[in-house]
Amino acid sequence: MRLIVTAPLAASTHDSVLIKPYAACMGKSGGVTMDMIGCITAQHQRQDARLNNAYKAVMAELSPPRKKQLHNAQRAWITYHDANCAFYDDPDGGTLARVNANAFMMTATTDPT
């Protein structure tokens, strides 16, 4: 589940810990499409977990009415996010379109603004 959180996330050493494995993986991919997609997928999963943890932390602090508002906002964002990401998965775009679509999904999850 990809959820956005309006509370600030700490941009710190934690960010570089997440980015380093991705950069190393992409460097080792040698430009091979499936290897690049594997790197992007792994990074997306790391960022998605981080985002969900932040969401849970914010939800734990909210009153029931605010929880419902945030939940509804997240559902609307997910609908938009998934439709927007699907657009980049151009069936006529060749293998690079798959890489771009996966990279877009990872980026949209990493920076959900």
N, C-alpha and C. Protein backbone atom coordinates (compact mmCIF):
# COMPACT_ATOMS: atom_id res chain seq x y z
N MET A 1 0.85 -1.16 0.00
CA MET A 1 0.00 0.00 0.00
C MET A 1 0.90 1.23 0.00
N ARG A 2 0.64 2.16 -0.89
CA ARG A 2 1.42 3.38 -0.95
C ARG A 2 0.61 4.51 -0.36
N LEU A 3 1.12 5.11 0.70
CA LEU A 3 0.38 6.15 1.38
C LEU A 3 1.26 7.37 1.56
N ILE A 4 0.67 8.53 1.44
CA ILE A 4 1.44 9.73 1.70
C ILE A 4 1.16 10.22 3.10
N VAL A 5 2.09 10.96 3.60
CA VAL A 5 1.95 11.52 4.93
C VAL A 5 2.33 12.98 4.84
N THR A 6 1.54 13.83 5.44
CA THR A 6 1.82 15.25 5.36
C THR A 6 2.82 15.70 6.41
N ALA A 7 3.07 14.88 7.39
CA ALA A 7 4.07 15.23 8.40
C ALA A 7 5.46 15.07 7.79
N PRO A 8 6.40 15.92 8.19
CA PRO A 8 7.73 15.83 7.61
C PRO A 8 8.42 14.53 7.98
N LEU A 9 9.12 13.98 7.01
CA LEU A 9 9.94 12.81 7.25
C LEU A 9 11.38 13.28 7.40
N ALA A 10 12.10 12.68 8.29
CA ALA A 10 13.48 13.10 8.53
C ALA A 10 14.35 12.80 7.32
N ALA A 11 14.89 13.84 6.74
CA ALA A 11 15.85 13.69 5.63
C ALA A 11 17.23 13.69 6.27
N SER A 12 17.79 12.53 6.43
CA SER A 12 19.02 12.42 7.18
C SER A 12 19.85 11.28 6.65
N THR A 13 20.66 10.76 7.54
CA THR A 13 21.48 9.61 7.20
C THR A 13 20.62 8.46 6.71
N HIS A 14 19.40 8.37 7.22
CA HIS A 14 18.49 7.30 6.81
C HIS A 14 18.26 7.34 5.31
N ASP A 15 18.13 8.54 4.75
CA ASP A 15 17.94 8.67 3.31
C ASP A 15 19.11 8.08 2.54
N SER A 16 20.32 8.42 2.96
CA SER A 16 21.48 7.91 2.23
C SER A 16 21.61 6.40 2.40
N VAL A 17 21.17 5.88 3.54
CA VAL A 17 21.19 4.42 3.73
C VAL A 17 20.26 3.75 2.73
N LEU A 18 19.14 4.38 2.42
CA LEU A 18 18.21 3.84 1.43
C LEU A 18 18.72 4.02 0.01
N ILE A 19 19.38 5.12 -0.25
CA ILE A 19 19.83 5.45 -1.61
C ILE A 19 21.07 4.66 -2.01
N LYS A 20 21.97 4.42 -1.07
CA LYS A 20 23.23 3.73 -1.40
C LYS A 20 23.00 2.35 -2.03
N PRO A 21 22.14 1.50 -1.44
CA PRO A 21 21.92 0.19 -2.08
C PRO A 21 21.35 0.31 -3.49
N TYR A 22 20.48 1.29 -3.68
CA TYR A 22 19.89 1.51 -5.00
C TYR A 22 20.96 1.91 -6.01
N ALA A 23 21.77 2.87 -5.65
CA ALA A 23 22.83 3.33 -6.55
C ALA A 23 23.81 2.20 -6.86
N ALA A 24 24.16 1.41 -5.86
CA ALA A 24 25.07 0.29 -6.07
C ALA A 24 24.44 -0.74 -7.00
N CYS A 25 23.17 -1.03 -6.78
CA CYS A 25 22.46 -2.01 -7.61
C CYS A 25 22.39 -1.54 -9.06
N MET A 26 22.04 -0.28 -9.26
CA MET A 26 21.96 0.24 -10.62
C MET A 26 23.33 0.23 -11.29
N GLY A 27 24.36 0.50 -10.53
CA GLY A 27 25.71 0.45 -11.08
C GLY A 27 26.09 -0.94 -11.54
N LYS A 28 25.63 -1.94 -10.81
CA LYS A 28 25.93 -3.34 -11.16
C LYS A 28 25.02 -3.87 -12.27
N SER A 29 23.94 -3.17 -12.57
CA SER A 29 22.97 -3.68 -13.54
C SER A 29 23.53 -3.73 -14.96
N GLY A 30 24.53 -2.91 -15.23
CA GLY A 30 25.12 -2.89 -16.56
C GLY A 30 24.14 -2.48 -17.65
N GLY A 31 23.09 -1.78 -17.26
CA GLY A 31 22.10 -1.34 -18.24
C GLY A 31 21.16 -2.44 -18.71
N VAL A 32 21.19 -3.60 -18.05
CA VAL A 32 20.30 -4.71 -18.40
C VAL A 32 18.91 -4.41 -17.82
N THR A 33 17.92 -4.37 -18.68
CA THR A 33 16.57 -3.95 -18.31
C THR A 33 16.04 -4.67 -17.08
N MET A 34 16.06 -5.97 -17.08
CA MET A 34 15.48 -6.72 -15.96
C MET A 34 16.25 -6.47 -14.67
N ASP A 35 17.55 -6.32 -14.76
CA ASP A 35 18.34 -6.01 -13.56
C ASP A 35 18.01 -4.61 -13.04
N MET A 36 17.84 -3.66 -13.95
CA MET A 36 17.48 -2.31 -13.55
C MET A 36 16.10 -2.30 -12.89
N ILE A 37 15.16 -3.02 -13.47
CA ILE A 37 13.81 -3.10 -12.88
C ILE A 37 13.88 -3.74 -11.50
N GLY A 38 14.73 -4.74 -11.34
CA GLY A 38 14.91 -5.35 -10.02
C GLY A 38 15.42 -4.35 -9.00
N CYS A 39 16.37 -3.52 -9.39
CA CYS A 39 16.91 -2.48 -8.50
C CYS A 39 15.82 -1.48 -8.12
N ILE A 40 15.07 -1.06 -9.13
CA ILE A 40 14.01 -0.08 -8.91
C ILE A 40 12.94 -0.66 -7.99
N THR A 41 12.57 -1.91 -8.23
CA THR A 41 11.55 -2.57 -7.41
C THR A 41 12.00 -2.67 -5.96
N ALA A 42 13.24 -3.07 -5.74
CA ALA A 42 13.76 -3.18 -4.37
C ALA A 42 13.75 -1.82 -3.67
N GLN A 43 14.16 -0.78 -4.38
CA GLN A 43 14.16 0.57 -3.80
C GLN A 43 12.74 1.03 -3.53
N HIS A 44 11.84 0.75 -4.45
CA HIS A 44 10.43 1.11 -4.23
C HIS A 44 9.90 0.45 -2.97
N GLN A 45 10.21 -0.81 -2.77
CA GLN A 45 9.74 -1.52 -1.58
C GLN A 45 10.30 -0.90 -0.30
N ARG A 46 11.58 -0.51 -0.33
CA ARG A 46 12.17 0.15 0.84
C ARG A 46 11.47 1.47 1.13
N GLN A 47 11.24 2.25 0.09
CA GLN A 47 10.60 3.56 0.27
C GLN A 47 9.14 3.40 0.68
N ASP A 48 8.46 2.42 0.13
CA ASP A 48 7.06 2.17 0.47
C ASP A 48 6.94 1.80 1.95
N ALA A 49 7.84 0.97 2.43
CA ALA A 49 7.83 0.58 3.85
C ALA A 49 8.07 1.80 4.73
N ARG A 50 8.99 2.64 4.33
CA ARG A 50 9.29 3.86 5.08
C ARG A 50 8.06 4.78 5.13
N LEU A 51 7.41 4.93 4.00
CA LEU A 51 6.22 5.77 3.91
C LEU A 51 5.09 5.22 4.79
N ASN A 52 4.89 3.92 4.75
CA ASN A 52 3.85 3.31 5.57
C ASN A 52 4.13 3.44 7.05
N ASN A 53 5.40 3.34 7.44
CA ASN A 53 5.75 3.53 8.86
C ASN A 53 5.44 4.95 9.31
N ALA A 54 5.75 5.92 8.46
CA ALA A 54 5.45 7.32 8.79
C ALA A 54 3.93 7.53 8.89
N TYR A 55 3.20 6.93 7.97
CA TYR A 55 1.73 7.03 7.98
C TYR A 55 1.17 6.47 9.29
N LYS A 56 1.64 5.32 9.69
CA LYS A 56 1.16 4.70 10.93
C LYS A 56 1.49 5.57 12.14
N ALA A 57 2.66 6.17 12.14
CA ALA A 57 3.05 7.03 13.26
C ALA A 57 2.15 8.25 13.34
N VAL A 58 1.84 8.85 12.19
CA VAL A 58 0.95 10.01 12.18
C VAL A 58 -0.46 9.60 12.60
N MET A 59 -0.95 8.49 12.07
CA MET A 59 -2.30 8.03 12.41
C MET A 59 -2.44 7.78 13.91
N ALA A 60 -1.40 7.30 14.55
CA ALA A 60 -1.45 7.01 15.98
C ALA A 60 -1.64 8.28 16.81
N GLU A 61 -1.31 9.41 16.25
CA GLU A 61 -1.40 10.68 16.97
C GLU A 61 -2.69 11.45 16.71
N LEU A 62 -3.50 11.00 15.77
CA LEU A 62 -4.67 11.77 15.36
C LEU A 62 -5.94 11.34 16.09
N SER A 63 -6.87 12.29 16.17
CA SER A 63 -8.19 11.99 16.71
C SER A 63 -8.96 11.18 15.66
N PRO A 64 -10.00 10.47 16.07
CA PRO A 64 -10.76 9.68 15.09
C PRO A 64 -11.26 10.46 13.87
N PRO A 65 -11.79 11.68 14.03
CA PRO A 65 -12.22 12.41 12.82
C PRO A 65 -11.05 12.74 11.89
N ARG A 66 -9.92 13.11 12.45
CA ARG A 66 -8.75 13.43 11.63
C ARG A 66 -8.19 12.17 10.97
N LYS A 67 -8.25 11.04 11.66
CA LYS A 67 -7.81 9.77 11.06
C LYS A 67 -8.64 9.48 9.82
N LYS A 68 -9.95 9.69 9.93
CA LYS A 68 -10.83 9.43 8.79
C LYS A 68 -10.48 10.35 7.63
N GLN A 69 -10.22 11.63 7.92
CA GLN A 69 -9.83 12.58 6.87
C GLN A 69 -8.54 12.15 6.19
N LEU A 70 -7.56 11.78 7.00
CA LEU A 70 -6.29 11.36 6.43
C LEU A 70 -6.46 10.09 5.61
N HIS A 71 -7.21 9.16 6.13
CA HIS A 71 -7.47 7.91 5.40
C HIS A 71 -8.11 8.19 4.04
N ASN A 72 -9.11 9.07 4.02
CA ASN A 72 -9.78 9.42 2.76
C ASN A 72 -8.82 10.11 1.79
N ALA A 73 -7.99 11.00 2.32
CA ALA A 73 -7.00 11.69 1.48
C ALA A 73 -6.02 10.69 0.88
N GLN A 74 -5.59 9.73 1.69
CA GLN A 74 -4.64 8.73 1.20
C GLN A 74 -5.25 7.88 0.10
N ARG A 75 -6.50 7.49 0.27
CA ARG A 75 -7.18 6.69 -0.75
C ARG A 75 -7.28 7.46 -2.07
N ALA A 76 -7.59 8.75 -1.98
CA ALA A 76 -7.67 9.57 -3.20
C ALA A 76 -6.29 9.68 -3.85
N TRP A 77 -5.26 9.85 -3.04
CA TRP A 77 -3.90 9.94 -3.58
C TRP A 77 -3.50 8.63 -4.25
N ILE A 78 -3.84 7.50 -3.64
CA ILE A 78 -3.49 6.20 -4.22
C ILE A 78 -4.15 6.03 -5.59
N THR A 79 -5.41 6.42 -5.70
CA THR A 79 -6.10 6.33 -6.99
C THR A 79 -5.38 7.16 -8.04
N TYR A 80 -5.05 8.40 -7.68
CA TYR A 80 -4.31 9.27 -8.60
C TYR A 80 -2.93 8.68 -8.92
N HIS A 81 -2.22 8.29 -7.90
CA HIS A 81 -0.86 7.75 -8.05
C HIS A 81 -0.85 6.56 -9.00
N ASP A 82 -1.73 5.61 -8.77
CA ASP A 82 -1.75 4.39 -9.58
C ASP A 82 -2.12 4.69 -11.03
N ALA A 83 -3.10 5.58 -11.24
CA ALA A 83 -3.49 5.94 -12.61
C ALA A 83 -2.36 6.68 -13.32
N ASN A 84 -1.71 7.58 -12.62
CA ASN A 84 -0.61 8.35 -13.20
C ASN A 84 0.57 7.43 -13.55
N CYS A 85 0.90 6.53 -12.64
CA CYS A 85 2.00 5.61 -12.89
C CYS A 85 1.68 4.67 -14.06
N ALA A 86 0.44 4.23 -14.16
CA ALA A 86 0.04 3.34 -15.25
C ALA A 86 0.20 4.02 -16.60
N PHE A 87 0.00 5.33 -16.64
CA PHE A 87 0.17 6.06 -17.90
C PHE A 87 1.59 5.92 -18.44
N TYR A 88 2.57 5.90 -17.56
CA TYR A 88 3.97 5.82 -18.00
C TYR A 88 4.36 4.43 -18.48
N ASP A 89 3.53 3.44 -18.23
CA ASP A 89 3.79 2.08 -18.67
C ASP A 89 3.23 1.91 -20.09
N ASP A 90 3.89 2.54 -21.04
CA ASP A 90 3.47 2.57 -22.43
C ASP A 90 3.69 1.20 -23.08
N PRO A 91 2.63 0.51 -23.48
CA PRO A 91 2.80 -0.81 -24.08
C PRO A 91 3.56 -0.77 -25.41
N ASP A 92 3.62 0.39 -26.05
CA ASP A 92 4.35 0.52 -27.31
C ASP A 92 5.73 1.14 -27.13
N GLY A 93 6.15 1.31 -25.89
CA GLY A 93 7.39 2.01 -25.61
C GLY A 93 8.62 1.13 -25.49
N GLY A 94 8.47 -0.17 -25.67
CA GLY A 94 9.62 -1.07 -25.58
C GLY A 94 10.07 -1.27 -24.14
N THR A 95 11.26 -1.87 -24.00
CA THR A 95 11.74 -2.21 -22.67
C THR A 95 12.06 -0.98 -21.83
N LEU A 96 12.46 0.10 -22.48
CA LEU A 96 12.75 1.31 -21.71
C LEU A 96 11.49 1.87 -21.06
N ALA A 97 10.35 1.67 -21.67
CA ALA A 97 9.10 2.13 -21.07
C ALA A 97 8.86 1.42 -19.73
N ARG A 98 9.19 0.14 -19.65
CA ARG A 98 9.04 -0.60 -18.39
C ARG A 98 9.96 -0.02 -17.32
N VAL A 99 11.19 0.27 -17.71
CA VAL A 99 12.13 0.87 -16.77
C VAL A 99 11.60 2.22 -16.30
N ASN A 100 11.16 3.04 -17.25
CA ASN A 100 10.64 4.36 -16.91
C ASN A 100 9.40 4.28 -16.03
N ALA A 101 8.51 3.35 -16.32
CA ALA A 101 7.29 3.20 -15.52
C ALA A 101 7.64 2.80 -14.09
N ASN A 102 8.54 1.87 -13.94
CA ASN A 102 8.95 1.44 -12.60
C ASN A 102 9.67 2.56 -11.86
N ALA A 103 10.53 3.28 -12.58
CA ALA A 103 11.25 4.39 -11.96
C ALA A 103 10.28 5.49 -11.54
N PHE A 104 9.26 5.75 -12.37
CA PHE A 104 8.28 6.77 -12.02
C PHE A 104 7.52 6.37 -10.76
N MET A 105 7.13 5.10 -10.66
CA MET A 105 6.40 4.63 -9.48
C MET A 105 7.27 4.77 -8.23
N MET A 106 8.55 4.41 -8.36
CA MET A 106 9.45 4.53 -7.21
C MET A 106 9.59 5.99 -6.81
N THR A 107 9.77 6.88 -7.79
CA THR A 107 9.94 8.29 -7.50
C THR A 107 8.67 8.88 -6.90
N ALA A 108 7.53 8.51 -7.42
CA ALA A 108 6.26 9.02 -6.90
C ALA A 108 6.02 8.55 -5.47
N THR A 109 6.55 7.39 -5.12
CA THR A 109 6.41 6.89 -3.75
C THR A 109 7.43 7.55 -2.84
N THR A 110 8.62 7.78 -3.38
CA THR A 110 9.68 8.40 -2.58
C THR A 110 9.35 9.85 -2.27
N ASP A 111 8.80 10.56 -3.24
CA ASP A 111 8.46 11.97 -3.10
C ASP A 111 7.00 12.15 -3.48
N PRO A 112 6.08 11.81 -2.56
CA PRO A 112 4.66 11.76 -2.89
C PRO A 112 3.94 13.11 -2.90
N THR A 113 4.67 14.19 -3.08
CA THR A 113 4.00 15.50 -3.06
C THR A 113 3.34 15.81 -4.37
